[in-house]
């Protein structure tokens, strides 16, 4: 069950909100968790840099910042900020579509809310494998 899911675009990214809703529902079903409230914000690199400075004391842009408001890792109450410009750069670097990079970042943020971490190499490998599995599964789900 998803009590509240909000998707906000600071700029047009060419991805229908219904598809993002389907992605979140797919992840929720695959990983068996509940969402109390989830807000996904697609923002500019400028805004994410300000958020990074104000909340994390990092003076640079990043592709995603995740806030877990409840601290609960099975009943999610959180917010994702995804930098469209950084995502587009990632997409070019890894030779994938921007749309699928946005999806990967939504998956990445939700995994952080579920208490997955990517600081240590071992944890990063685990998280990346799960991201890839979920993204691949969602691509197949969209085809079906």
N, C-alpha and C. Protein backbone atom coordinates (compact mmCIF):
# COMPACT_ATOMS: atom_id res chain seq x y z
N UNK A 1 0.84 -1.18 0.00
CA UNK A 1 0.00 0.00 0.00
C UNK A 1 0.89 1.25 0.00
N UNK A 2 0.51 2.20 -0.80
CA UNK A 2 1.20 3.49 -0.83
C UNK A 2 0.20 4.54 -0.37
N UNK A 3 0.45 5.12 0.79
CA UNK A 3 -0.46 6.14 1.30
C UNK A 3 -0.29 7.45 0.55
N UNK A 4 0.97 7.85 0.32
CA UNK A 4 1.20 9.13 -0.35
C UNK A 4 2.47 9.05 -1.19
N UNK A 5 2.31 9.29 -2.49
CA UNK A 5 3.45 9.37 -3.40
C UNK A 5 3.27 10.63 -4.23
N UNK A 6 4.27 11.50 -4.17
CA UNK A 6 4.23 12.75 -4.92
C UNK A 6 5.48 12.83 -5.78
N UNK A 7 5.29 13.21 -7.04
CA UNK A 7 6.40 13.36 -7.97
C UNK A 7 6.37 14.78 -8.49
N UNK A 8 7.48 15.49 -8.33
CA UNK A 8 7.54 16.90 -8.72
C UNK A 8 8.66 17.11 -9.72
N UNK A 9 8.32 17.81 -10.80
CA UNK A 9 9.30 18.14 -11.83
C UNK A 9 9.59 19.63 -11.80
N UNK A 10 10.85 20.00 -11.57
CA UNK A 10 11.25 21.40 -11.67
C UNK A 10 11.40 21.79 -13.14
N UNK A 11 11.58 20.77 -13.96
CA UNK A 11 11.68 20.97 -15.40
C UNK A 11 11.17 19.71 -16.09
N UNK A 12 10.78 19.85 -17.34
CA UNK A 12 10.26 18.71 -18.08
C UNK A 12 11.39 17.72 -18.36
N UNK A 13 11.21 16.48 -17.93
CA UNK A 13 12.24 15.47 -18.16
C UNK A 13 11.80 14.43 -19.17
N UNK A 14 10.60 14.56 -19.69
CA UNK A 14 10.14 13.64 -20.72
C UNK A 14 9.76 12.27 -20.19
N UNK A 15 9.44 12.17 -18.91
CA UNK A 15 9.01 10.92 -18.31
C UNK A 15 7.65 11.16 -17.65
N UNK A 16 6.67 10.40 -18.07
CA UNK A 16 5.32 10.52 -17.52
C UNK A 16 5.32 10.10 -16.04
N UNK A 17 4.63 10.85 -15.22
CA UNK A 17 4.55 10.53 -13.79
C UNK A 17 3.96 9.14 -13.56
N UNK A 18 3.07 8.69 -14.45
CA UNK A 18 2.48 7.36 -14.31
C UNK A 18 3.55 6.27 -14.37
N UNK A 19 4.56 6.48 -15.21
CA UNK A 19 5.65 5.50 -15.31
C UNK A 19 6.46 5.47 -14.02
N UNK A 20 6.70 6.63 -13.43
CA UNK A 20 7.44 6.68 -12.16
C UNK A 20 6.61 6.00 -11.07
N UNK A 21 5.30 6.21 -11.07
CA UNK A 21 4.43 5.51 -10.11
C UNK A 21 4.54 4.00 -10.31
N UNK A 22 4.52 3.55 -11.57
CA UNK A 22 4.66 2.12 -11.85
C UNK A 22 6.00 1.59 -11.35
N UNK A 23 7.06 2.38 -11.53
CA UNK A 23 8.38 1.97 -11.06
C UNK A 23 8.37 1.80 -9.54
N UNK A 24 7.83 2.76 -8.83
CA UNK A 24 7.79 2.68 -7.36
C UNK A 24 6.97 1.47 -6.92
N UNK A 25 5.83 1.24 -7.56
CA UNK A 25 5.00 0.07 -7.23
C UNK A 25 5.75 -1.23 -7.51
N UNK A 26 6.48 -1.26 -8.62
CA UNK A 26 7.28 -2.44 -8.97
C UNK A 26 8.34 -2.72 -7.90
N UNK A 27 9.07 -1.68 -7.49
CA UNK A 27 10.12 -1.84 -6.47
C UNK A 27 9.50 -2.30 -5.15
N UNK A 28 8.39 -1.69 -4.79
CA UNK A 28 7.69 -2.03 -3.55
C UNK A 28 7.29 -3.51 -3.54
N UNK A 29 6.78 -3.98 -4.66
CA UNK A 29 6.37 -5.38 -4.76
C UNK A 29 7.59 -6.31 -4.70
N UNK A 30 8.66 -5.95 -5.40
CA UNK A 30 9.86 -6.78 -5.44
C UNK A 30 10.56 -6.87 -4.09
N UNK A 31 10.57 -5.77 -3.33
CA UNK A 31 11.34 -5.74 -2.08
C UNK A 31 10.46 -5.79 -0.83
N UNK A 32 9.15 -5.82 -1.01
CA UNK A 32 8.20 -6.02 0.09
C UNK A 32 8.36 -5.01 1.23
N UNK A 33 8.01 -3.78 0.94
CA UNK A 33 7.99 -2.74 1.96
C UNK A 33 6.74 -1.90 1.76
N UNK A 34 6.48 -1.00 2.69
CA UNK A 34 5.30 -0.14 2.66
C UNK A 34 5.75 1.31 2.58
N UNK A 35 4.95 2.12 1.92
CA UNK A 35 5.25 3.55 1.82
C UNK A 35 4.18 4.34 2.54
N UNK A 36 4.58 5.05 3.57
CA UNK A 36 3.69 5.99 4.23
C UNK A 36 3.64 7.28 3.40
N UNK A 37 4.84 7.80 3.07
CA UNK A 37 4.93 9.00 2.24
C UNK A 37 6.27 8.99 1.52
N UNK A 38 6.21 9.25 0.22
CA UNK A 38 7.42 9.34 -0.58
C UNK A 38 7.25 10.50 -1.55
N UNK A 39 8.18 11.42 -1.51
CA UNK A 39 8.18 12.56 -2.42
C UNK A 39 9.44 12.47 -3.28
N UNK A 40 9.24 12.49 -4.59
CA UNK A 40 10.36 12.42 -5.52
C UNK A 40 10.40 13.74 -6.28
N UNK A 41 11.52 14.45 -6.13
CA UNK A 41 11.70 15.75 -6.75
C UNK A 41 12.80 15.68 -7.80
N UNK A 42 12.46 16.02 -9.03
CA UNK A 42 13.45 16.14 -10.10
C UNK A 42 13.80 17.62 -10.19
N UNK A 43 15.05 17.96 -9.84
CA UNK A 43 15.44 19.37 -9.66
C UNK A 43 16.68 19.72 -10.48
N UNK A 44 17.03 20.98 -10.43
CA UNK A 44 18.23 21.47 -11.12
C UNK A 44 19.48 21.14 -10.31
N UNK A 45 20.62 21.16 -10.99
CA UNK A 45 21.91 20.96 -10.31
C UNK A 45 22.14 22.09 -9.31
N UNK A 46 21.67 23.28 -9.66
CA UNK A 46 21.82 24.43 -8.76
C UNK A 46 21.09 24.19 -7.44
N UNK A 47 19.85 23.71 -7.51
CA UNK A 47 19.09 23.47 -6.28
C UNK A 47 19.70 22.32 -5.48
N UNK A 48 20.10 21.24 -6.14
CA UNK A 48 20.66 20.12 -5.38
C UNK A 48 21.98 20.52 -4.73
N UNK A 49 22.73 21.41 -5.36
CA UNK A 49 23.97 21.91 -4.75
C UNK A 49 23.64 22.67 -3.46
N UNK A 50 22.61 23.51 -3.50
CA UNK A 50 22.20 24.25 -2.30
C UNK A 50 21.76 23.30 -1.19
N UNK A 51 21.00 22.28 -1.54
CA UNK A 51 20.57 21.28 -0.56
C UNK A 51 21.79 20.56 0.01
N UNK A 52 22.72 20.21 -0.84
CA UNK A 52 23.93 19.51 -0.42
C UNK A 52 24.75 20.37 0.55
N UNK A 53 24.85 21.66 0.27
CA UNK A 53 25.57 22.58 1.15
C UNK A 53 24.84 22.72 2.49
N UNK A 54 23.54 22.97 2.43
CA UNK A 54 22.76 23.24 3.65
C UNK A 54 22.61 22.05 4.58
N UNK A 55 22.45 20.84 4.00
CA UNK A 55 22.14 19.69 4.85
C UNK A 55 23.30 18.71 5.03
N UNK A 56 24.23 18.68 4.07
CA UNK A 56 25.31 17.69 4.15
C UNK A 56 26.70 18.31 4.19
N UNK A 57 26.74 19.64 4.11
CA UNK A 57 28.00 20.38 4.13
C UNK A 57 28.95 19.97 3.01
N UNK A 58 28.38 19.59 1.86
CA UNK A 58 29.15 19.27 0.66
C UNK A 58 28.93 20.40 -0.34
N UNK A 59 29.99 20.96 -0.87
CA UNK A 59 29.88 22.13 -1.73
C UNK A 59 29.95 21.76 -3.22
N UNK A 60 29.09 20.83 -3.63
CA UNK A 60 29.06 20.41 -5.02
C UNK A 60 27.70 19.81 -5.36
N UNK A 61 27.47 19.65 -6.64
CA UNK A 61 26.26 19.00 -7.12
C UNK A 61 26.45 17.49 -7.00
N UNK A 62 25.34 16.78 -6.97
CA UNK A 62 25.35 15.33 -6.93
C UNK A 62 24.10 14.84 -7.64
N UNK A 63 24.07 13.58 -8.01
CA UNK A 63 22.91 13.11 -8.77
C UNK A 63 21.67 12.89 -7.91
N UNK A 64 21.85 12.52 -6.64
CA UNK A 64 20.69 12.27 -5.78
C UNK A 64 21.03 12.53 -4.32
N UNK A 65 20.04 13.06 -3.61
CA UNK A 65 20.11 13.20 -2.16
C UNK A 65 18.82 12.60 -1.61
N UNK A 66 18.96 11.79 -0.57
CA UNK A 66 17.83 11.08 0.02
C UNK A 66 17.67 11.48 1.47
N UNK A 67 16.44 11.78 1.87
CA UNK A 67 16.12 12.09 3.27
C UNK A 67 15.12 11.06 3.78
N UNK A 68 15.48 10.39 4.87
CA UNK A 68 14.58 9.45 5.54
C UNK A 68 14.03 10.17 6.76
N UNK A 69 12.75 10.52 6.73
CA UNK A 69 12.17 11.31 7.81
C UNK A 69 11.73 10.47 9.01
N UNK A 70 11.48 9.18 8.81
CA UNK A 70 11.00 8.35 9.91
C UNK A 70 12.10 7.53 10.56
N UNK A 71 13.15 7.24 9.81
CA UNK A 71 14.18 6.34 10.31
C UNK A 71 13.76 4.88 10.19
N UNK A 72 12.50 4.65 9.83
CA UNK A 72 12.01 3.29 9.65
C UNK A 72 12.39 2.82 8.25
N UNK A 73 12.93 1.62 8.15
CA UNK A 73 13.41 1.13 6.86
C UNK A 73 12.47 0.13 6.20
N UNK A 74 11.29 -0.08 6.76
CA UNK A 74 10.29 -0.96 6.14
C UNK A 74 8.99 -0.19 5.87
N UNK A 75 8.74 0.88 6.61
CA UNK A 75 7.60 1.77 6.38
C UNK A 75 8.19 3.12 6.01
N UNK A 76 8.31 3.37 4.72
CA UNK A 76 9.07 4.52 4.25
C UNK A 76 8.31 5.83 4.38
N UNK A 77 9.03 6.82 4.87
CA UNK A 77 8.58 8.21 4.89
C UNK A 77 9.82 9.01 4.53
N UNK A 78 9.92 9.38 3.26
CA UNK A 78 11.14 10.03 2.83
C UNK A 78 10.96 10.88 1.60
N UNK A 79 12.08 11.46 1.20
CA UNK A 79 12.08 12.37 0.06
C UNK A 79 13.37 12.17 -0.74
N UNK A 80 13.22 12.16 -2.06
CA UNK A 80 14.35 12.04 -2.96
C UNK A 80 14.47 13.33 -3.76
N UNK A 81 15.70 13.82 -3.90
CA UNK A 81 16.00 14.95 -4.78
C UNK A 81 16.94 14.42 -5.84
N UNK A 82 16.51 14.47 -7.10
CA UNK A 82 17.30 13.97 -8.21
C UNK A 82 17.67 15.14 -9.11
N UNK A 83 18.97 15.33 -9.33
CA UNK A 83 19.44 16.39 -10.21
C UNK A 83 19.34 15.93 -11.66
N UNK A 84 18.50 16.62 -12.42
CA UNK A 84 18.30 16.26 -13.82
C UNK A 84 19.60 16.41 -14.61
N UNK A 85 20.33 17.50 -14.38
CA UNK A 85 21.58 17.71 -15.12
C UNK A 85 22.62 16.64 -14.81
N UNK A 86 22.75 16.30 -13.54
CA UNK A 86 23.71 15.25 -13.16
C UNK A 86 23.29 13.89 -13.71
N UNK A 87 21.99 13.62 -13.69
CA UNK A 87 21.49 12.37 -14.26
C UNK A 87 21.77 12.31 -15.76
N UNK A 88 21.55 13.43 -16.45
CA UNK A 88 21.82 13.46 -17.89
C UNK A 88 23.30 13.23 -18.18
N UNK A 89 24.18 13.79 -17.34
CA UNK A 89 25.63 13.55 -17.51
C UNK A 89 25.96 12.07 -17.28
N UNK A 90 25.37 11.48 -16.25
CA UNK A 90 25.57 10.04 -15.99
C UNK A 90 25.12 9.21 -17.19
N UNK A 91 23.97 9.57 -17.74
CA UNK A 91 23.43 8.82 -18.87
C UNK A 91 24.40 8.85 -20.05
N UNK A 92 24.94 10.01 -20.34
CA UNK A 92 25.91 10.12 -21.43
C UNK A 92 27.16 9.30 -21.12
N UNK A 93 27.65 9.42 -19.88
CA UNK A 93 28.87 8.71 -19.47
C UNK A 93 28.70 7.20 -19.60
N UNK A 94 27.54 6.68 -19.20
CA UNK A 94 27.32 5.23 -19.20
C UNK A 94 26.57 4.75 -20.45
N UNK A 95 26.33 5.68 -21.38
CA UNK A 95 25.70 5.37 -22.67
C UNK A 95 24.35 4.68 -22.51
N UNK A 96 23.51 5.28 -21.66
CA UNK A 96 22.13 4.82 -21.50
C UNK A 96 21.22 6.02 -21.70
N UNK A 97 19.95 5.77 -21.81
CA UNK A 97 19.01 6.88 -21.98
C UNK A 97 18.85 7.63 -20.65
N UNK A 98 18.57 8.90 -20.76
CA UNK A 98 18.32 9.69 -19.55
C UNK A 98 17.16 9.12 -18.76
N UNK A 99 16.13 8.66 -19.48
CA UNK A 99 14.95 8.10 -18.81
C UNK A 99 15.34 6.95 -17.88
N UNK A 100 16.18 6.05 -18.36
CA UNK A 100 16.56 4.91 -17.51
C UNK A 100 17.54 5.32 -16.41
N UNK A 101 18.29 6.39 -16.62
CA UNK A 101 19.13 6.91 -15.54
C UNK A 101 18.25 7.51 -14.44
N UNK A 102 17.17 8.20 -14.82
CA UNK A 102 16.23 8.72 -13.80
C UNK A 102 15.64 7.55 -13.02
N UNK A 103 15.26 6.48 -13.73
CA UNK A 103 14.71 5.31 -13.05
C UNK A 103 15.73 4.70 -12.10
N UNK A 104 16.99 4.60 -12.55
CA UNK A 104 18.04 4.04 -11.70
C UNK A 104 18.19 4.86 -10.43
N UNK A 105 18.10 6.18 -10.57
CA UNK A 105 18.26 7.04 -9.39
C UNK A 105 17.08 6.92 -8.44
N UNK A 106 15.88 6.75 -8.96
CA UNK A 106 14.73 6.50 -8.08
C UNK A 106 14.96 5.20 -7.31
N UNK A 107 15.40 4.17 -8.01
CA UNK A 107 15.71 2.89 -7.35
C UNK A 107 16.79 3.10 -6.29
N UNK A 108 17.85 3.81 -6.65
CA UNK A 108 18.97 4.07 -5.74
C UNK A 108 18.48 4.77 -4.47
N UNK A 109 17.67 5.80 -4.64
CA UNK A 109 17.15 6.54 -3.49
C UNK A 109 16.28 5.68 -2.59
N UNK A 110 15.43 4.87 -3.20
CA UNK A 110 14.57 3.99 -2.39
C UNK A 110 15.43 2.97 -1.65
N UNK A 111 16.47 2.46 -2.29
CA UNK A 111 17.36 1.53 -1.59
C UNK A 111 18.02 2.20 -0.39
N UNK A 112 18.39 3.48 -0.52
CA UNK A 112 18.93 4.20 0.64
C UNK A 112 17.87 4.27 1.76
N UNK A 113 16.63 4.53 1.40
CA UNK A 113 15.56 4.58 2.41
C UNK A 113 15.37 3.23 3.08
N UNK A 114 15.68 2.16 2.35
CA UNK A 114 15.59 0.80 2.90
C UNK A 114 16.85 0.39 3.65
N UNK A 115 17.76 1.33 3.85
CA UNK A 115 18.97 1.15 4.65
C UNK A 115 20.13 0.51 3.89
N UNK A 116 20.08 0.51 2.58
CA UNK A 116 21.25 0.11 1.81
C UNK A 116 22.21 1.29 1.76
N UNK A 117 23.49 0.98 1.75
CA UNK A 117 24.50 2.03 1.78
C UNK A 117 25.51 1.80 0.66
N UNK A 118 26.19 2.87 0.26
CA UNK A 118 27.17 2.75 -0.81
C UNK A 118 28.49 3.45 -0.46
N UNK A 119 28.77 3.56 0.83
CA UNK A 119 30.01 4.20 1.27
C UNK A 119 31.19 3.24 1.09
N UNK A 120 31.05 2.03 1.64
CA UNK A 120 32.12 1.03 1.53
C UNK A 120 31.97 0.26 0.22
N UNK A 121 33.10 -0.16 -0.34
CA UNK A 121 33.09 -0.84 -1.64
C UNK A 121 32.19 -2.07 -1.63
N UNK A 122 32.28 -2.89 -0.60
CA UNK A 122 31.49 -4.11 -0.51
C UNK A 122 29.99 -3.79 -0.55
N UNK A 123 29.57 -2.80 0.23
CA UNK A 123 28.16 -2.39 0.26
C UNK A 123 27.73 -1.78 -1.08
N UNK A 124 28.62 -1.03 -1.70
CA UNK A 124 28.34 -0.40 -2.99
C UNK A 124 28.09 -1.48 -4.06
N UNK A 125 28.89 -2.56 -4.02
CA UNK A 125 28.72 -3.66 -4.98
C UNK A 125 27.35 -4.32 -4.79
N UNK A 126 26.98 -4.58 -3.55
CA UNK A 126 25.67 -5.18 -3.25
C UNK A 126 24.54 -4.28 -3.75
N UNK A 127 24.65 -3.00 -3.44
CA UNK A 127 23.61 -2.05 -3.83
C UNK A 127 23.51 -1.94 -5.35
N UNK A 128 24.64 -1.91 -6.03
CA UNK A 128 24.65 -1.77 -7.49
C UNK A 128 24.04 -3.00 -8.15
N UNK A 129 24.32 -4.19 -7.64
CA UNK A 129 23.73 -5.40 -8.19
C UNK A 129 22.21 -5.38 -8.07
N UNK A 130 21.73 -4.94 -6.91
CA UNK A 130 20.29 -4.86 -6.68
C UNK A 130 19.66 -3.79 -7.58
N UNK A 131 20.32 -2.66 -7.71
CA UNK A 131 19.85 -1.61 -8.64
C UNK A 131 19.71 -2.18 -10.04
N UNK A 132 20.74 -2.86 -10.52
CA UNK A 132 20.73 -3.42 -11.87
C UNK A 132 19.63 -4.46 -12.05
N UNK A 133 19.44 -5.31 -11.04
CA UNK A 133 18.39 -6.33 -11.10
C UNK A 133 17.02 -5.67 -11.18
N UNK A 134 16.78 -4.66 -10.35
CA UNK A 134 15.49 -3.98 -10.35
C UNK A 134 15.25 -3.21 -11.64
N UNK A 135 16.28 -2.55 -12.14
CA UNK A 135 16.13 -1.79 -13.38
C UNK A 135 15.85 -2.74 -14.55
N UNK A 136 16.57 -3.84 -14.60
CA UNK A 136 16.35 -4.82 -15.66
C UNK A 136 14.94 -5.42 -15.56
N UNK A 137 14.53 -5.75 -14.36
CA UNK A 137 13.18 -6.29 -14.14
C UNK A 137 12.11 -5.29 -14.54
N UNK A 138 12.33 -4.02 -14.25
CA UNK A 138 11.35 -3.00 -14.62
C UNK A 138 11.29 -2.81 -16.12
N UNK A 139 12.44 -2.86 -16.79
CA UNK A 139 12.44 -2.76 -18.26
C UNK A 139 11.61 -3.90 -18.84
N UNK A 140 11.78 -5.11 -18.34
CA UNK A 140 11.00 -6.26 -18.81
C UNK A 140 9.52 -6.09 -18.49
N UNK A 141 9.24 -5.55 -17.32
CA UNK A 141 7.85 -5.29 -16.91
C UNK A 141 7.19 -4.31 -17.89
N UNK A 142 7.91 -3.28 -18.30
CA UNK A 142 7.36 -2.30 -19.24
C UNK A 142 7.10 -2.91 -20.61
N UNK A 143 7.94 -3.87 -21.02
CA UNK A 143 7.76 -4.52 -22.31
C UNK A 143 6.53 -5.42 -22.33
N UNK A 144 6.27 -6.05 -21.14
CA UNK A 144 5.20 -7.05 -21.03
C UNK A 144 3.88 -6.43 -21.01
